[in-house]
Amino acid sequence: MNTRLLGLGLLGVLLLLTGNLLHGQDEPKAKAPPDPPDTPREKRVVQVSQPVVREVTDYADFTGRVEAVQSVDLRARVTGYLDKVSFKPGTTVKEGDMLFEIDPRPYQAQYDQALAQIALHEARLKLATVNLDRAKKIMQTNPGAISQDEFNKFVADKDEATAALNAAKAASEASKLNLEFTKVKAPITGKIGRPLLTVGNLVVADQTLLANIVSTDPVYVAFDVDEHTQLRLTRLKGKADNDTDLPIQMGLSDEEGFPHRGKVDFVDVRANPTTGTVSWRAVFPNADGLLKPGLFARVQLTTSAPHKALLVTDKAVGSDQGEKFVFVVNDKNVAEQRPVKLGTLHGGLRVVTEGLKAGDKVVVTGLANLANGDTVKAETVEMPGQKR
């Protein structure tokens, strides 16, 4: 009986070992003990730079449009049929150049008629003058031969003939002007667009638009300045009517920077209460004709005298619900989030007006997931974005 029980026990042990082998189970391993609670984390590596100290001049950017200094919608001053177009569209015309000609024959006939009227009234005046002179001599030699009423009539005839002659001369001047107006000439020097009528069409005086002429050199650039900048400039200049003659820079949509130099020549006398802006205008030379009226323009206006400022790269600046900040590493290698106020961009660097000191170590790389109070390992590098 004992032998049988012993065999059953040995069989059970054998089956247990065989099952473990079939399931690939090894003997359980001991777990590693946890790290001690005071084990320090590996320090994060960031790069830091000190703010750049540089003399800068503040500016503000605006958008505007190029405008012609002079622009004329060309209209005829007499009615008639168009006989001739004497210019090439898109070319430069000079003041006084003949551009259009309206059929002059009706106006030539009117002028000729006016000249004939002058000749007629000159003859009548000559006759009235002779009659009056004769009446004067008769009254001197034979006072009773001509009555006073007859003498007065001779005087009135001369005066009437004089007035009629003057009226005829005035009518002839009007006819002469109308005849001259049949030749439509350029009132200014500039570039002319395409003719809006072809030969044979009826031109109505003071109504029919014939073409447009714009001056090309110099040109205006019109733009609107916000009221905060307007007030700052007025206080800076110390006088409300001293905003003109300020230097200004301008660039077109495809240009780098602001290569064109000009001067402010007009500031509106009132602000627009709807937009909160003031209309400004600057004048720019345009000898090469690049600045065409209607083009989009980027304008940069100087808003301060030169002054020293602290500058950092824009990559170092973060934003939290609209508030700007940078990370500064203190003497204990702890990253501190520092709120800052920013100014304008200069040569790839941003002016910091508040929140930094010259010797601060500003984090410029490694900001991702960096939190206030993190212990870091700081590597000092040159401020990125500086132009050499």
Protein backbone atom coordinates (compact mmCIF):
# COMPACT_ATOMS: atom_id res chain seq x y z
CA MET A 1 0.00 0.00 0.00
CA ASN A 2 2.80 2.41 0.83
CA THR A 3 4.58 1.46 -2.35
CA ARG A 4 1.49 2.32 -4.39
CA LEU A 5 1.12 5.75 -2.77
CA LEU A 6 4.78 6.48 -3.34
CA GLY A 7 4.39 5.71 -7.06
CA LEU A 8 1.38 8.01 -7.37
CA GLY A 9 3.33 10.85 -5.73
CA LEU A 10 6.26 10.43 -8.06
CA LEU A 11 3.90 10.45 -11.05
CA GLY A 12 2.33 13.76 -9.91
CA VAL A 13 5.73 15.43 -9.60
CA LEU A 14 6.68 14.21 -13.07
CA LEU A 15 3.46 15.59 -14.61
CA LEU A 16 4.01 18.99 -12.95
CA LEU A 17 7.53 19.30 -14.30
CA THR A 18 6.37 18.25 -17.78
CA GLY A 19 3.63 20.96 -17.79
CA ASN A 20 6.07 23.68 -16.87
CA LEU A 21 8.39 22.65 -19.67
CA LEU A 22 5.55 22.61 -22.23
CA HIS A 23 4.41 26.17 -21.33
CA GLY A 24 7.94 27.56 -21.42
CA GLN A 25 7.75 28.86 -17.88
CA ASP A 26 10.98 29.55 -16.08
CA GLU A 27 11.49 30.03 -12.47
CA PRO A 28 10.24 33.50 -11.33
CA LYS A 29 12.85 36.28 -11.16
CA ALA A 30 13.28 38.70 -8.30
CA LYS A 31 12.09 42.33 -8.91
CA ALA A 32 14.62 45.23 -8.85
CA PRO A 33 14.24 47.48 -5.83
CA PRO A 34 12.73 51.00 -6.58
CA ASP A 35 14.94 54.08 -6.90
CA PRO A 36 15.45 56.00 -3.71
CA PRO A 37 13.11 59.01 -3.49
CA ASP A 38 16.01 61.50 -3.39
CA THR A 39 17.58 60.33 -6.69
CA PRO A 40 18.00 63.57 -8.90
CA ARG A 41 16.60 63.80 -12.50
CA GLU A 42 19.01 64.34 -15.38
CA LYS A 43 19.34 68.11 -16.01
CA ARG A 44 17.87 69.43 -19.29
CA VAL A 45 20.32 71.18 -21.66
CA VAL A 46 19.24 74.60 -23.03
CA GLN A 47 21.12 77.35 -24.83
CA VAL A 48 21.06 80.86 -23.44
CA SER A 49 22.16 84.29 -24.72
CA GLN A 50 22.38 87.71 -23.17
CA PRO A 51 20.19 90.44 -24.75
CA VAL A 52 21.93 92.50 -27.41
CA VAL A 53 22.38 96.17 -26.48
CA ARG A 54 22.13 98.36 -29.56
CA GLU A 55 21.11 101.86 -30.58
CA VAL A 56 17.88 101.68 -32.54
CA THR A 57 15.23 103.97 -33.98
CA ASP A 58 11.63 102.90 -33.54
CA TYR A 59 9.27 102.76 -36.49
CA ALA A 60 5.71 101.77 -37.38
CA ASP A 61 4.54 99.95 -40.51
CA PHE A 62 1.43 100.83 -42.50
CA THR A 63 -0.12 99.94 -45.84
CA GLY A 64 -1.18 102.39 -48.52
CA ARG A 65 -1.63 103.05 -52.22
CA VAL A 66 0.36 104.96 -54.81
CA GLU A 67 -1.47 108.00 -56.18
CA ALA A 68 -0.70 110.45 -58.97
CA VAL A 69 0.14 114.00 -57.95
CA GLN A 70 -1.96 115.20 -60.92
CA SER A 71 -4.72 113.27 -62.65
CA VAL A 72 -6.93 114.68 -65.39
CA ASP A 73 -10.05 113.19 -66.93
CA LEU A 74 -9.87 114.66 -70.42
CA ARG A 75 -13.16 116.04 -71.76
CA ALA A 76 -13.90 118.26 -74.74
CA ARG A 77 -15.26 121.77 -74.24
CA VAL A 78 -17.27 121.85 -77.48
CA THR A 79 -19.70 119.44 -79.14
CA GLY A 80 -18.89 117.83 -82.47
CA TYR A 81 -17.73 114.73 -84.28
CA LEU A 82 -14.25 113.38 -83.55
CA ASP A 83 -11.94 113.83 -86.55
CA LYS A 84 -8.50 112.78 -85.29
CA VAL A 85 -6.66 110.99 -82.45
CA SER A 86 -3.05 112.17 -82.35
CA PHE A 87 -1.27 110.12 -79.66
CA LYS A 88 -0.12 106.60 -78.87
CA PRO A 89 -1.79 105.07 -75.80
CA GLY A 90 0.45 104.59 -72.77
CA THR A 91 3.08 107.12 -73.82
CA THR A 92 4.22 110.30 -72.14
CA VAL A 93 2.66 113.51 -73.46
CA LYS A 94 3.81 117.02 -72.74
CA GLU A 95 1.64 119.93 -71.69
CA GLY A 96 0.22 121.57 -74.83
CA ASP A 97 0.49 118.50 -77.10
CA MET A 98 -2.50 118.06 -79.42
CA LEU A 99 -4.35 114.86 -78.53
CA PHE A 100 -7.80 114.95 -80.19
CA GLU A 101 -9.36 117.07 -82.92
CA ILE A 102 -13.08 117.69 -83.31
CA ASP A 103 -14.53 118.74 -86.68
CA PRO A 104 -13.69 122.49 -86.72
CA ARG A 105 -15.79 123.60 -89.72
CA PRO A 106 -18.95 124.70 -87.87
CA TYR A 107 -16.89 126.70 -85.40
CA GLN A 108 -14.73 128.17 -88.16
CA ALA A 109 -17.91 129.43 -89.85
CA GLN A 110 -19.12 130.99 -86.60
CA TYR A 111 -15.78 132.71 -86.12
CA ASP A 112 -15.79 134.04 -89.67
CA GLN A 113 -19.30 135.38 -89.11
CA ALA A 114 -18.18 137.09 -85.90
CA LEU A 115 -15.31 138.75 -87.76
CA ALA A 116 -17.77 140.00 -90.39
CA GLN A 117 -19.93 141.49 -87.67
CA ILE A 118 -16.93 143.35 -86.33
CA ALA A 119 -16.23 144.80 -89.76
CA LEU A 120 -19.91 145.82 -90.12
CA HIS A 121 -20.02 147.58 -86.75
CA GLU A 122 -16.69 149.28 -87.38
CA ALA A 123 -18.17 150.78 -90.58
CA ARG A 124 -21.29 151.93 -88.70
CA LEU A 125 -19.14 153.48 -85.98
CA LYS A 126 -17.07 155.24 -88.61
CA LEU A 127 -20.23 156.68 -90.21
CA ALA A 128 -21.66 157.74 -86.84
CA THR A 129 -18.38 159.43 -85.95
CA VAL A 130 -18.32 161.36 -89.26
CA ASN A 131 -21.96 162.50 -88.78
CA LEU A 132 -21.26 163.66 -85.24
CA ASP A 133 -18.15 165.59 -86.27
CA ARG A 134 -20.11 167.30 -89.08
CA ALA A 135 -22.90 168.25 -86.65
CA LYS A 136 -20.36 169.78 -84.27
CA LYS A 137 -18.88 171.96 -87.04
CA ILE A 138 -22.33 173.11 -88.19
CA MET A 139 -23.29 174.08 -84.63
CA GLN A 140 -20.08 176.06 -84.33
CA THR A 141 -20.52 177.96 -87.62
CA ASN A 142 -24.33 178.19 -87.68
CA PRO A 143 -25.79 177.50 -84.25
CA GLY A 144 -29.40 177.53 -85.36
CA ALA A 145 -29.05 175.16 -88.30
CA ILE A 146 -29.24 171.94 -86.14
CA SER A 147 -31.50 171.57 -83.12
CA GLN A 148 -30.25 170.19 -79.85
CA ASP A 149 -32.40 167.08 -80.29
CA GLU A 150 -30.82 166.35 -83.67
CA PHE A 151 -27.34 166.85 -82.23
CA ASN A 152 -28.14 164.49 -79.34
CA LYS A 153 -29.24 161.87 -81.86
CA PHE A 154 -25.85 162.04 -83.60
CA VAL A 155 -24.15 161.51 -80.22
CA ALA A 156 -26.41 158.55 -79.42
CA ASP A 157 -25.78 157.00 -82.85
CA LYS A 158 -22.05 157.03 -82.21
CA ASP A 159 -22.43 155.57 -78.72
CA GLU A 160 -24.71 152.84 -80.07
CA ALA A 161 -22.25 151.98 -82.82
CA THR A 162 -19.42 151.80 -80.29
CA ALA A 163 -21.38 149.43 -78.03
CA ALA A 164 -22.36 147.22 -80.98
CA LEU A 165 -18.72 147.00 -82.07
CA ASN A 166 -17.65 145.97 -78.58
CA ALA A 167 -20.36 143.30 -78.50
CA ALA A 168 -19.25 141.99 -81.88
CA LYS A 169 -15.65 141.78 -80.67
CA ALA A 170 -16.73 139.84 -77.56
CA ALA A 171 -18.75 137.45 -79.71
CA SER A 172 -15.76 136.94 -81.95
CA GLU A 173 -13.57 136.05 -78.92
CA ALA A 174 -16.11 133.42 -77.86
CA SER A 175 -16.18 132.02 -81.39
CA LYS A 176 -12.40 132.01 -81.49
CA LEU A 177 -12.24 130.08 -78.21
CA ASN A 178 -14.72 127.49 -79.47
CA LEU A 179 -12.65 127.05 -82.60
CA GLU A 180 -9.51 126.55 -80.47
CA PHE A 181 -11.37 124.06 -78.27
CA THR A 182 -11.86 121.77 -81.26
CA LYS A 183 -8.19 120.88 -80.75
CA VAL A 184 -8.04 119.04 -77.39
CA LYS A 185 -4.55 119.55 -75.90
CA ALA A 186 -2.76 117.99 -72.94
CA PRO A 187 -3.29 120.18 -69.85
CA ILE A 188 -0.40 118.51 -67.95
CA THR A 189 2.71 116.48 -68.66
CA GLY A 190 2.24 112.81 -67.88
CA LYS A 191 1.26 109.40 -69.21
CA ILE A 192 -1.95 109.06 -71.15
CA GLY A 193 -4.21 106.03 -71.24
CA ARG A 194 -6.07 104.60 -74.20
CA PRO A 195 -8.56 106.79 -76.13
CA LEU A 196 -12.11 106.06 -75.02
CA LEU A 197 -13.61 107.11 -78.38
CA THR A 198 -12.63 106.39 -81.97
CA VAL A 199 -12.83 108.73 -84.95
CA GLY A 200 -16.38 109.46 -86.11
CA ASN A 201 -18.08 109.39 -82.71
CA LEU A 202 -20.04 112.34 -81.36
CA VAL A 203 -18.36 114.25 -78.55
CA VAL A 204 -20.65 116.17 -76.17
CA ALA A 205 -19.17 119.24 -74.53
CA ASP A 206 -18.13 118.79 -70.87
CA GLN A 207 -19.62 115.27 -70.75
CA THR A 208 -17.84 112.82 -73.01
CA LEU A 209 -14.70 111.36 -71.43
CA LEU A 210 -11.90 111.10 -73.99
CA ALA A 211 -8.90 109.79 -72.01
CA ASN A 212 -7.07 110.04 -68.70
CA ILE A 213 -3.66 111.61 -68.04
CA VAL A 214 -1.63 111.10 -64.86
CA SER A 215 1.62 112.72 -63.82
CA THR A 216 4.42 110.27 -63.06
CA ASP A 217 7.21 112.05 -61.20
CA PRO A 218 6.89 112.53 -58.28
CA VAL A 219 4.04 110.41 -56.88
CA TYR A 220 2.03 110.33 -53.67
CA VAL A 221 1.54 107.39 -51.30
CA ALA A 222 -1.58 107.71 -49.14
CA PHE A 223 -1.96 105.72 -45.91
CA ASP A 224 -3.80 105.82 -42.58
CA VAL A 225 -2.07 106.16 -39.20
CA ASP A 226 -3.71 104.83 -36.03
CA GLU A 227 -4.49 107.39 -33.36
CA HIS A 228 -1.97 105.99 -30.83
CA THR A 229 0.91 106.48 -33.28
CA GLN A 230 -0.48 109.88 -34.24
CA LEU A 231 -0.52 111.02 -30.62
CA ARG A 232 2.97 109.61 -29.95
CA LEU A 233 4.38 111.44 -32.97
CA THR A 234 2.64 114.68 -32.03
CA ARG A 235 4.07 114.55 -28.52
CA LEU A 236 7.50 113.63 -29.87
CA LYS A 237 7.49 116.55 -32.29
CA GLY A 238 5.99 118.87 -29.67
CA LYS A 239 3.71 120.54 -32.18
CA ALA A 240 0.53 119.30 -33.82
CA ASP A 241 1.20 120.96 -37.17
CA ASN A 242 4.81 119.77 -37.46
CA ASP A 243 4.22 116.25 -38.81
CA THR A 244 5.17 117.08 -42.39
CA ASP A 245 8.69 116.70 -43.78
CA LEU A 246 9.19 113.53 -41.69
CA PRO A 247 11.44 111.00 -43.46
CA ILE A 248 9.58 107.91 -44.63
CA GLN A 249 10.42 104.65 -46.39
CA MET A 250 8.33 102.59 -48.76
CA GLY A 251 8.44 99.21 -50.49
CA LEU A 252 6.28 97.57 -53.14
CA SER A 253 4.66 94.16 -52.77
CA ASP A 254 7.53 92.28 -54.45
CA GLU A 255 10.42 94.19 -52.88
CA GLU A 256 12.59 93.31 -49.89
CA GLY A 257 12.57 95.92 -47.16
CA PHE A 258 11.82 99.56 -47.91
CA PRO A 259 14.13 100.76 -50.70
CA HIS A 260 12.27 103.98 -51.61
CA ARG A 261 12.86 107.19 -49.64
CA GLY A 262 10.44 110.08 -49.40
CA LYS A 263 8.92 112.72 -47.11
CA VAL A 264 5.54 113.24 -45.51
CA ASP A 265 3.85 116.24 -47.11
CA PHE A 266 0.30 116.14 -45.70
CA VAL A 267 -1.47 115.09 -42.50
CA ASP A 268 -5.24 115.45 -42.32
CA VAL A 269 -6.64 118.03 -39.88
CA ARG A 270 -9.08 115.57 -38.31
CA ALA A 271 -9.24 111.91 -37.33
CA ASN A 272 -11.78 109.50 -38.77
CA PRO A 273 -14.07 108.63 -35.82
CA THR A 274 -15.22 105.43 -37.53
CA THR A 275 -11.78 103.89 -38.08
CA GLY A 276 -9.79 105.75 -35.41
CA THR A 277 -7.15 106.75 -37.97
CA VAL A 278 -5.69 109.90 -39.50
CA SER A 279 -5.03 110.18 -43.24
CA TRP A 280 -1.39 110.83 -44.16
CA ARG A 281 0.33 111.37 -47.49
CA ALA A 282 3.97 111.16 -48.52
CA VAL A 283 5.72 112.18 -51.73
CA PHE A 284 8.32 109.97 -53.46
CA PRO A 285 10.53 110.58 -56.52
CA ASN A 286 9.69 108.32 -59.48
CA ALA A 287 12.18 109.05 -62.24
CA ASP A 288 12.09 105.48 -63.56
CA GLY A 289 8.28 105.33 -63.59
CA LEU A 290 8.15 102.19 -61.43
CA LEU A 291 5.59 103.62 -59.02
CA LYS A 292 2.29 103.48 -60.89
CA PRO A 293 -0.88 104.95 -59.40
CA GLY A 294 -2.98 102.30 -57.69
CA LEU A 295 -0.09 100.01 -56.67
CA PHE A 296 -0.05 98.55 -53.14
CA ALA A 297 2.66 100.09 -50.94
CA ARG A 298 4.21 99.13 -47.60
CA VAL A 299 5.15 102.22 -45.61
CA GLN A 300 7.57 102.50 -42.69
CA LEU A 301 7.38 105.65 -40.60
CA THR A 302 10.04 106.65 -38.05
CA THR A 303 8.43 107.16 -34.65
CA SER A 304 11.31 107.94 -32.30
CA ALA A 305 14.75 109.45 -31.98
CA PRO A 306 17.72 107.00 -31.84
CA HIS A 307 17.99 105.32 -28.41
CA LYS A 308 19.63 102.29 -26.78
CA ALA A 309 17.50 99.15 -26.43
CA LEU A 310 17.68 95.46 -25.48
CA LEU A 311 17.00 93.01 -28.30
CA VAL A 312 16.38 89.25 -28.41
CA THR A 313 15.53 86.79 -31.12
CA ASP A 314 11.83 86.25 -31.80
CA LYS A 315 12.38 82.52 -31.26
CA ALA A 316 12.96 83.19 -27.55
CA VAL A 317 9.54 84.80 -27.12
CA GLY A 318 6.55 82.72 -26.06
CA SER A 319 2.88 83.63 -25.72
CA ASP A 320 0.36 82.69 -23.04
CA GLN A 321 -3.20 83.96 -23.56
CA GLY A 322 -1.86 86.97 -25.46
CA GLU A 323 0.82 87.81 -22.91
CA LYS A 324 4.42 87.61 -24.12
CA PHE A 325 7.15 86.00 -22.05
CA VAL A 326 10.72 84.63 -22.17
CA PHE A 327 12.55 82.07 -20.02
CA VAL A 328 15.53 83.36 -18.04
CA VAL A 329 18.03 81.03 -16.28
CA ASN A 330 18.99 82.32 -12.84
CA ASP A 331 22.19 81.75 -10.83
CA LYS A 332 20.85 78.42 -9.53
CA ASN A 333 20.28 77.11 -13.08
CA VAL A 334 16.53 77.32 -12.64
CA ALA A 335 14.37 78.47 -15.58
CA GLU A 336 12.10 81.41 -14.71
CA GLN A 337 9.22 82.53 -16.92
CA ARG A 338 9.54 86.31 -17.28
CA PRO A 339 6.70 88.46 -18.74
CA VAL A 340 7.98 91.04 -21.24
CA LYS A 341 6.74 93.88 -23.40
CA LEU A 342 7.96 93.97 -26.99
CA GLY A 343 8.81 96.71 -29.45
CA THR A 344 9.71 96.74 -33.12
CA LEU A 345 11.83 94.30 -35.12
CA HIS A 346 15.37 95.39 -36.05
CA GLY A 347 17.61 93.27 -38.24
CA GLY A 348 16.14 89.97 -37.11
CA LEU A 349 15.98 90.91 -33.42
CA ARG A 350 13.00 92.13 -31.41
CA VAL A 351 13.17 95.09 -29.02
CA VAL A 352 12.18 94.27 -25.42
CA THR A 353 10.94 97.42 -23.71
CA GLU A 354 10.13 95.89 -20.30
CA GLY A 355 10.98 92.70 -18.39
CA LEU A 356 14.69 92.15 -19.12
CA LYS A 357 18.08 93.44 -18.00
CA ALA A 358 21.28 93.50 -20.02
CA GLY A 359 22.92 90.63 -18.11
CA ASP A 360 19.97 88.20 -18.12
CA LYS A 361 20.49 84.72 -19.58
CA VAL A 362 17.61 84.28 -22.01
CA VAL A 363 16.77 80.77 -23.21
CA VAL A 364 17.00 80.80 -27.03
CA THR A 365 16.80 77.07 -27.83
CA GLY A 366 15.28 74.11 -25.98
CA LEU A 367 12.05 75.88 -25.03
CA ALA A 368 9.78 72.96 -25.99
CA ASN A 369 8.00 71.65 -22.86
CA LEU A 370 10.16 73.88 -20.67
CA ALA A 371 8.25 74.85 -17.53
CA ASN A 372 8.71 77.53 -14.93
CA GLY A 373 10.98 76.21 -12.17
CA ASP A 374 12.72 73.51 -14.21
CA THR A 375 16.38 72.92 -13.33
CA VAL A 376 18.46 73.10 -16.52
CA LYS A 377 22.01 72.94 -17.77
CA ALA A 378 22.71 76.24 -19.62
CA GLU A 379 25.10 76.56 -22.54
CA THR A 380 25.94 80.15 -23.49
CA VAL A 381 25.78 80.97 -27.22
CA GLU A 382 25.65 84.11 -29.37
CA MET A 383 22.18 85.62 -29.77
CA PRO A 384 20.64 84.04 -32.92
CA GLY A 385 19.42 86.33 -35.67
CA GLN A 386 22.17 88.94 -35.47
CA LYS A 387 23.31 90.35 -38.79
CA ARG A 388 27.05 90.39 -39.08
